[in-house]
PDB file of N, CA and C in Angstrom:
ATOM      1  N   UNK A   1      80.839  80.583  90.262  1.00  0.00           N
ATOM      2  CA  UNK A   1      80.772  79.165  89.967  1.00  0.00           C
ATOM      3  C   UNK A   1      81.929  78.795  89.041  1.00  0.00           C
ATOM      4  N   UNK A   2      82.310  77.568  89.099  1.00  0.00           N
ATOM      5  CA  UNK A   2      83.438  77.115  88.307  1.00  0.00           C
ATOM      6  C   UNK A   2      83.037  76.869  86.858  1.00  0.00           C
ATOM      7  N   UNK A   3      84.037  76.969  85.975  1.00  0.00           N
ATOM      8  CA  UNK A   3      83.816  76.749  84.549  1.00  0.00           C
ATOM      9  C   UNK A   3      83.297  75.336  84.288  1.00  0.00           C
ATOM     10  N   UNK A   4      83.767  74.360  85.056  1.00  0.00           N
ATOM     11  CA  UNK A   4      83.334  72.976  84.862  1.00  0.00           C
ATOM     12  C   UNK A   4      81.826  72.827  85.070  1.00  0.00           C
ATOM     13  N   UNK A   5      81.285  73.554  86.038  1.00  0.00           N
ATOM     14  CA  UNK A   5      79.846  73.527  86.290  1.00  0.00           C
ATOM     15  C   UNK A   5      79.082  74.010  85.056  1.00  0.00           C
ATOM     16  N   UNK A   6      79.505  75.157  84.494  1.00  0.00           N
ATOM     17  CA  UNK A   6      78.822  75.695  83.324  1.00  0.00           C
ATOM     18  C   UNK A   6      79.058  74.828  82.087  1.00  0.00           C
ATOM     19  N   UNK A   7      80.229  74.222  81.985  1.00  0.00           N
ATOM     20  CA  UNK A   7      80.504  73.336  80.855  1.00  0.00           C
ATOM     21  C   UNK A   7      79.544  72.149  80.860  1.00  0.00           C
ATOM     22  N   UNK A   8      79.385  71.504  82.003  1.00  0.00           N
ATOM     23  CA  UNK A   8      78.470  70.361  82.110  1.00  0.00           C
ATOM     24  C   UNK A   8      77.028  70.777  81.823  1.00  0.00           C
ATOM     25  N   UNK A   9      76.633  71.921  82.347  1.00  0.00           N
ATOM     26  CA  UNK A   9      75.277  72.421  82.128  1.00  0.00           C
ATOM     27  C   UNK A   9      75.066  72.761  80.655  1.00  0.00           C
ATOM     28  N   UNK A  10      76.046  73.409  80.043  1.00  0.00           N
ATOM     29  CA  UNK A  10      75.945  73.790  78.636  1.00  0.00           C
ATOM     30  C   UNK A  10      75.869  72.561  77.735  1.00  0.00           C
ATOM     31  N   UNK A  11      76.597  71.514  78.072  1.00  0.00           N
ATOM     32  CA  UNK A  11      76.534  70.280  77.277  1.00  0.00           C
ATOM     33  C   UNK A  11      75.123  69.698  77.281  1.00  0.00           C
ATOM     34  N   UNK A  12      74.429  69.799  78.404  1.00  0.00           N
ATOM     35  CA  UNK A  12      73.048  69.298  78.485  1.00  0.00           C
ATOM     36  C   UNK A  12      72.101  70.148  77.644  1.00  0.00           C
ATOM     37  N   UNK A  13      72.381  71.435  77.509  1.00  0.00           N
ATOM     38  CA  UNK A  13      71.500  72.363  76.803  1.00  0.00           C
ATOM     39  C   UNK A  13      71.878  72.556  75.335  1.00  0.00           C
ATOM     40  N   UNK A  14      72.870  71.825  74.843  1.00  0.00           N
ATOM     41  CA  UNK A  14      73.337  71.972  73.462  1.00  0.00           C
ATOM     42  C   UNK A  14      72.179  71.856  72.462  1.00  0.00           C
ATOM     43  N   UNK A  15      72.079  72.832  71.551  1.00  0.00           N
ATOM     44  CA  UNK A  15      71.044  72.821  70.520  1.00  0.00           C
ATOM     45  C   UNK A  15      69.696  73.336  70.982  1.00  0.00           C
ATOM     46  N   UNK A  16      69.609  73.792  72.222  1.00  0.00           N
ATOM     47  CA  UNK A  16      68.333  74.250  72.784  1.00  0.00           C
ATOM     48  C   UNK A  16      68.364  75.760  73.032  1.00  0.00           C
ATOM     49  N   UNK A  17      67.177  76.376  73.101  1.00  0.00           N
ATOM     50  CA  UNK A  17      67.123  77.816  73.400  1.00  0.00           C
ATOM     51  C   UNK A  17      67.499  78.078  74.859  1.00  0.00           C
ATOM     52  N   UNK A  18      68.371  79.058  75.055  1.00  0.00           N
ATOM     53  CA  UNK A  18      68.844  79.386  76.398  1.00  0.00           C
ATOM     54  C   UNK A  18      68.885  80.895  76.603  1.00  0.00           C
ATOM     55  N   UNK A  19      68.994  81.274  77.866  1.00  0.00           N
ATOM     56  CA  UNK A  19      69.239  82.668  78.240  1.00  0.00           C
ATOM     57  C   UNK A  19      70.542  82.695  79.024  1.00  0.00           C
ATOM     58  N   UNK A  20      71.443  83.589  78.627  1.00  0.00           N
ATOM     59  CA  UNK A  20      72.732  83.743  79.292  1.00  0.00           C
ATOM     60  C   UNK A  20      72.775  85.126  79.926  1.00  0.00           C
ATOM     61  N   UNK A  21      73.195  85.192  81.179  1.00  0.00           N
ATOM     62  CA  UNK A  21      73.369  86.469  81.871  1.00  0.00           C
ATOM     63  C   UNK A  21      74.856  86.618  82.182  1.00  0.00           C
ATOM     64  N   UNK A  22      75.437  87.766  81.775  1.00  0.00           N
ATOM     65  CA  UNK A  22      76.855  87.985  82.047  1.00  0.00           C
ATOM     66  C   UNK A  22      77.058  88.699  83.385  1.00  0.00           C
ATOM     67  N   UNK A  23      78.306  88.949  83.731  1.00  0.00           N
ATOM     68  CA  UNK A  23      78.641  89.579  85.022  1.00  0.00           C
ATOM     69  C   UNK A  23      78.073  90.985  85.164  1.00  0.00           C
ATOM     70  N   UNK A  24      77.748  91.639  84.048  1.00  0.00           N
ATOM     71  CA  UNK A  24      77.199  92.991  84.087  1.00  0.00           C
ATOM     72  C   UNK A  24      75.676  92.995  84.143  1.00  0.00           C
ATOM     73  N   UNK A  25      75.051  91.806  84.129  1.00  0.00           N
ATOM     74  CA  UNK A  25      73.603  91.703  84.201  1.00  0.00           C
ATOM     75  C   UNK A  25      72.910  91.735  82.855  1.00  0.00           C
ATOM     76  N   UNK A  26      73.666  91.807  81.774  1.00  0.00           N
ATOM     77  CA  UNK A  26      73.071  91.835  80.438  1.00  0.00           C
ATOM     78  C   UNK A  26      72.627  90.425  80.048  1.00  0.00           C
ATOM     79  N   UNK A  27      71.406  90.334  79.488  1.00  0.00           N
ATOM     80  CA  UNK A  27      70.835  89.044  79.097  1.00  0.00           C
ATOM     81  C   UNK A  27      70.966  88.834  77.594  1.00  0.00           C
ATOM     82  N   UNK A  28      71.289  87.624  77.213  1.00  0.00           N
ATOM     83  CA  UNK A  28      71.379  87.225  75.817  1.00  0.00           C
ATOM     84  C   UNK A  28      70.527  85.981  75.652  1.00  0.00           C
ATOM     85  N   UNK A  29      69.746  85.935  74.583  1.00  0.00           N
ATOM     86  CA  UNK A  29      68.901  84.768  74.314  1.00  0.00           C
ATOM     87  C   UNK A  29      69.201  84.241  72.931  1.00  0.00           C
ATOM     88  N   UNK A  30      69.176  82.926  72.809  1.00  0.00           N
ATOM     89  CA  UNK A  30      69.433  82.303  71.523  1.00  0.00           C
ATOM     90  C   UNK A  30      69.573  80.805  71.682  1.00  0.00           C
ATOM     91  N   UNK A  31      70.026  80.172  70.604  1.00  0.00           N
ATOM     92  CA  UNK A  31      70.207  78.725  70.596  1.00  0.00           C
ATOM     93  C   UNK A  31      71.684  78.424  70.840  1.00  0.00           C
ATOM     94  N   UNK A  32      71.940  77.511  71.737  1.00  0.00           N
ATOM     95  CA  UNK A  32      73.304  77.112  72.066  1.00  0.00           C
ATOM     96  C   UNK A  32      73.851  76.263  70.921  1.00  0.00           C
ATOM     97  N   UNK A  33      74.761  76.836  70.130  1.00  0.00           N
ATOM     98  CA  UNK A  33      75.252  76.175  68.922  1.00  0.00           C
ATOM     99  C   UNK A  33      76.510  75.354  69.118  1.00  0.00           C
ATOM    100  N   UNK A  34      77.341  75.705  70.085  1.00  0.00           N
ATOM    101  CA  UNK A  34      78.568  74.950  70.311  1.00  0.00           C
ATOM    102  C   UNK A  34      79.022  75.137  71.755  1.00  0.00           C
ATOM    103  N   UNK A  35      79.650  74.109  72.276  1.00  0.00           N
ATOM    104  CA  UNK A  35      80.185  74.151  73.638  1.00  0.00           C
ATOM    105  C   UNK A  35      81.647  73.714  73.572  1.00  0.00           C
ATOM    106  N   UNK A  36      82.530  74.527  74.121  1.00  0.00           N
ATOM    107  CA  UNK A  36      83.946  74.177  74.213  1.00  0.00           C
ATOM    108  C   UNK A  36      84.339  74.216  75.690  1.00  0.00           C
ATOM    109  N   UNK A  37      85.489  73.685  76.041  1.00  0.00           N
ATOM    110  CA  UNK A  37      85.922  73.759  77.437  1.00  0.00           C
ATOM    111  C   UNK A  37      86.136  75.192  77.932  1.00  0.00           C
ATOM    112  N   UNK A  38      86.251  76.153  77.009  1.00  0.00           N
ATOM    113  CA  UNK A  38      86.486  77.547  77.404  1.00  0.00           C
ATOM    114  C   UNK A  38      85.238  78.410  77.384  1.00  0.00           C
ATOM    115  N   UNK A  39      84.165  77.959  76.711  1.00  0.00           N
ATOM    116  CA  UNK A  39      82.960  78.782  76.632  1.00  0.00           C
ATOM    117  C   UNK A  39      81.928  78.211  75.682  1.00  0.00           C
ATOM    118  N   UNK A  40      80.937  79.051  75.353  1.00  0.00           N
ATOM    119  CA  UNK A  40      79.834  78.618  74.492  1.00  0.00           C
ATOM    120  C   UNK A  40      79.666  79.577  73.321  1.00  0.00           C
ATOM    121  N   UNK A  41      79.078  79.060  72.244  1.00  0.00           N
ATOM    122  CA  UNK A  41      78.684  79.881  71.110  1.00  0.00           C
ATOM    123  C   UNK A  41      77.164  79.931  71.085  1.00  0.00           C
ATOM    124  N   UNK A  42      76.625  81.137  71.074  1.00  0.00           N
ATOM    125  CA  UNK A  42      75.185  81.354  71.118  1.00  0.00           C
ATOM    126  C   UNK A  42      74.739  81.997  69.815  1.00  0.00           C
ATOM    127  N   UNK A  43      73.747  81.401  69.142  1.00  0.00           N
ATOM    128  CA  UNK A  43      73.180  81.961  67.913  1.00  0.00           C
ATOM    129  C   UNK A  43      71.901  82.689  68.278  1.00  0.00           C
ATOM    130  N   UNK A  44      71.911  84.014  68.143  1.00  0.00           N
ATOM    131  CA  UNK A  44      70.749  84.824  68.518  1.00  0.00           C
ATOM    132  C   UNK A  44      69.785  85.024  67.358  1.00  0.00           C
ATOM    133  N   UNK A  45      70.112  84.494  66.181  1.00  0.00           N
ATOM    134  CA  UNK A  45      69.265  84.690  65.014  1.00  0.00           C
ATOM    135  C   UNK A  45      69.745  85.845  64.163  1.00  0.00           C
ATOM    136  N   UNK A  46      70.354  86.836  64.784  1.00  0.00           N
ATOM    137  CA  UNK A  46      70.907  87.981  64.063  1.00  0.00           C
ATOM    138  C   UNK A  46      72.408  87.787  63.870  1.00  0.00           C
ATOM    139  N   UNK A  47      73.072  87.398  64.921  1.00  0.00           N
ATOM    140  CA  UNK A  47      74.506  87.124  64.864  1.00  0.00           C
ATOM    141  C   UNK A  47      74.855  86.126  65.961  1.00  0.00           C
ATOM    142  N   UNK A  48      76.074  85.637  65.913  1.00  0.00           N
ATOM    143  CA  UNK A  48      76.515  84.699  66.931  1.00  0.00           C
ATOM    144  C   UNK A  48      77.434  85.364  67.931  1.00  0.00           C
ATOM    145  N   UNK A  49      77.502  84.796  69.124  1.00  0.00           N
ATOM    146  CA  UNK A  49      78.346  85.322  70.190  1.00  0.00           C
ATOM    147  C   UNK A  49      79.124  84.180  70.822  1.00  0.00           C
ATOM    148  N   UNK A  50      80.346  84.470  71.254  1.00  0.00           N
ATOM    149  CA  UNK A  50      81.109  83.537  72.072  1.00  0.00           C
ATOM    150  C   UNK A  50      81.144  84.086  73.487  1.00  0.00           C
ATOM    151  N   UNK A  51      80.820  83.261  74.460  1.00  0.00           N
ATOM    152  CA  UNK A  51      80.851  83.654  75.866  1.00  0.00           C
ATOM    153  C   UNK A  51      81.839  82.767  76.604  1.00  0.00           C
ATOM    154  N   UNK A  52      82.922  83.342  77.126  1.00  0.00           N
ATOM    155  CA  UNK A  52      83.811  82.537  77.966  1.00  0.00           C
ATOM    156  C   UNK A  52      83.112  82.228  79.291  1.00  0.00           C
ATOM    157  N   UNK A  53      83.381  81.059  79.837  1.00  0.00           N
ATOM    158  CA  UNK A  53      82.695  80.646  81.058  1.00  0.00           C
ATOM    159  C   UNK A  53      82.932  81.602  82.219  1.00  0.00           C
ATOM    160  N   UNK A  54      84.097  82.266  82.281  1.00  0.00           N
ATOM    161  CA  UNK A  54      84.348  83.172  83.408  1.00  0.00           C
ATOM    162  C   UNK A  54      83.441  84.397  83.374  1.00  0.00           C
ATOM    163  N   UNK A  55      82.827  84.708  82.224  1.00  0.00           N
ATOM    164  CA  UNK A  55      81.943  85.875  82.114  1.00  0.00           C
ATOM    165  C   UNK A  55      80.479  85.536  82.380  1.00  0.00           C
ATOM    166  N   UNK A  56      80.163  84.243  82.454  1.00  0.00           N
ATOM    167  CA  UNK A  56      78.771  83.819  82.604  1.00  0.00           C
ATOM    168  C   UNK A  56      78.399  83.733  84.082  1.00  0.00           C
ATOM    169  N   UNK A  57      77.283  84.356  84.424  1.00  0.00           N
ATOM    170  CA  UNK A  57      76.753  84.285  85.780  1.00  0.00           C
ATOM    171  C   UNK A  57      75.630  83.267  85.845  1.00  0.00           C
ATOM    172  N   UNK A  58      74.817  83.202  84.775  1.00  0.00           N
ATOM    173  CA  UNK A  58      73.654  82.328  84.759  1.00  0.00           C
ATOM    174  C   UNK A  58      73.444  81.771  83.360  1.00  0.00           C
ATOM    175  N   UNK A  59      73.095  80.487  83.287  1.00  0.00           N
ATOM    176  CA  UNK A  59      72.754  79.820  82.036  1.00  0.00           C
ATOM    177  C   UNK A  59      71.451  79.076  82.280  1.00  0.00           C
ATOM    178  N   UNK A  60      70.372  79.513  81.615  1.00  0.00           N
ATOM    179  CA  UNK A  60      69.038  78.993  81.890  1.00  0.00           C
ATOM    180  C   UNK A  60      68.419  78.451  80.613  1.00  0.00           C
ATOM    181  N   UNK A  61      67.845  77.266  80.692  1.00  0.00           N
ATOM    182  CA  UNK A  61      67.126  76.683  79.568  1.00  0.00           C
ATOM    183  C   UNK A  61      65.777  77.362  79.431  1.00  0.00           C
ATOM    184  N   UNK A  62      65.458  77.824  78.217  1.00  0.00           N
ATOM    185  CA  UNK A  62      64.164  78.449  77.962  1.00  0.00           C
ATOM    186  C   UNK A  62      63.213  77.429  77.352  1.00  0.00           C
ATOM    187  N   UNK A  63      61.924  77.672  77.486  1.00  0.00           N
ATOM    188  CA  UNK A  63      60.935  76.785  76.876  1.00  0.00           C
ATOM    189  C   UNK A  63      60.797  77.119  75.403  1.00  0.00           C
ATOM    190  N   UNK A  64      60.150  76.256  74.645  1.00  0.00           N
ATOM    191  CA  UNK A  64      59.949  76.506  73.219  1.00  0.00           C
ATOM    192  C   UNK A  64      59.004  77.677  72.987  1.00  0.00           C
ATOM    193  N   UNK A  65      58.283  78.122  74.009  1.00  0.00           N
ATOM    194  CA  UNK A  65      57.378  79.267  73.861  1.00  0.00           C
ATOM    195  C   UNK A  65      58.132  80.546  73.536  1.00  0.00           C
ATOM    196  N   UNK A  66      59.402  80.607  73.893  1.00  0.00           N
ATOM    197  CA  UNK A  66      60.224  81.789  73.620  1.00  0.00           C
ATOM    198  C   UNK A  66      60.323  82.061  72.125  1.00  0.00           C
ATOM    199  N   UNK A  67      60.306  81.012  71.310  1.00  0.00           N
ATOM    200  CA  UNK A  67      60.530  81.169  69.876  1.00  0.00           C
ATOM    201  C   UNK A  67      59.253  81.196  69.057  1.00  0.00           C
ATOM    202  N   UNK A  68      58.093  81.235  69.666  1.00  0.00           N
ATOM    203  CA  UNK A  68      56.822  81.290  68.925  1.00  0.00           C
ATOM    204  C   UNK A  68      56.487  82.719  68.597  1.00  0.00           C
TER     205      UNK A  68
END
C-alpha cells in the first residue's frame, strides 16, 4: 500500500490506541503520538518508536478495552 494511504489513516487515528504490524509480522501496540508525511511515532508506555510508512503492513485502531 502507498504511504499516502497510511498517512491519511494515521491522521484519523492520532491520539488513539493502535496496533502496527511491520513487514516482518511483528506487532507493536501503543498510542499514536505523532504523524508525519514519512511515518508515525508510537508511544508504547515503555518507550517510543518511529515507524516509516514503507515498513508498515497494517495499522489498526484498537478499542479502549486494550488499555484496561
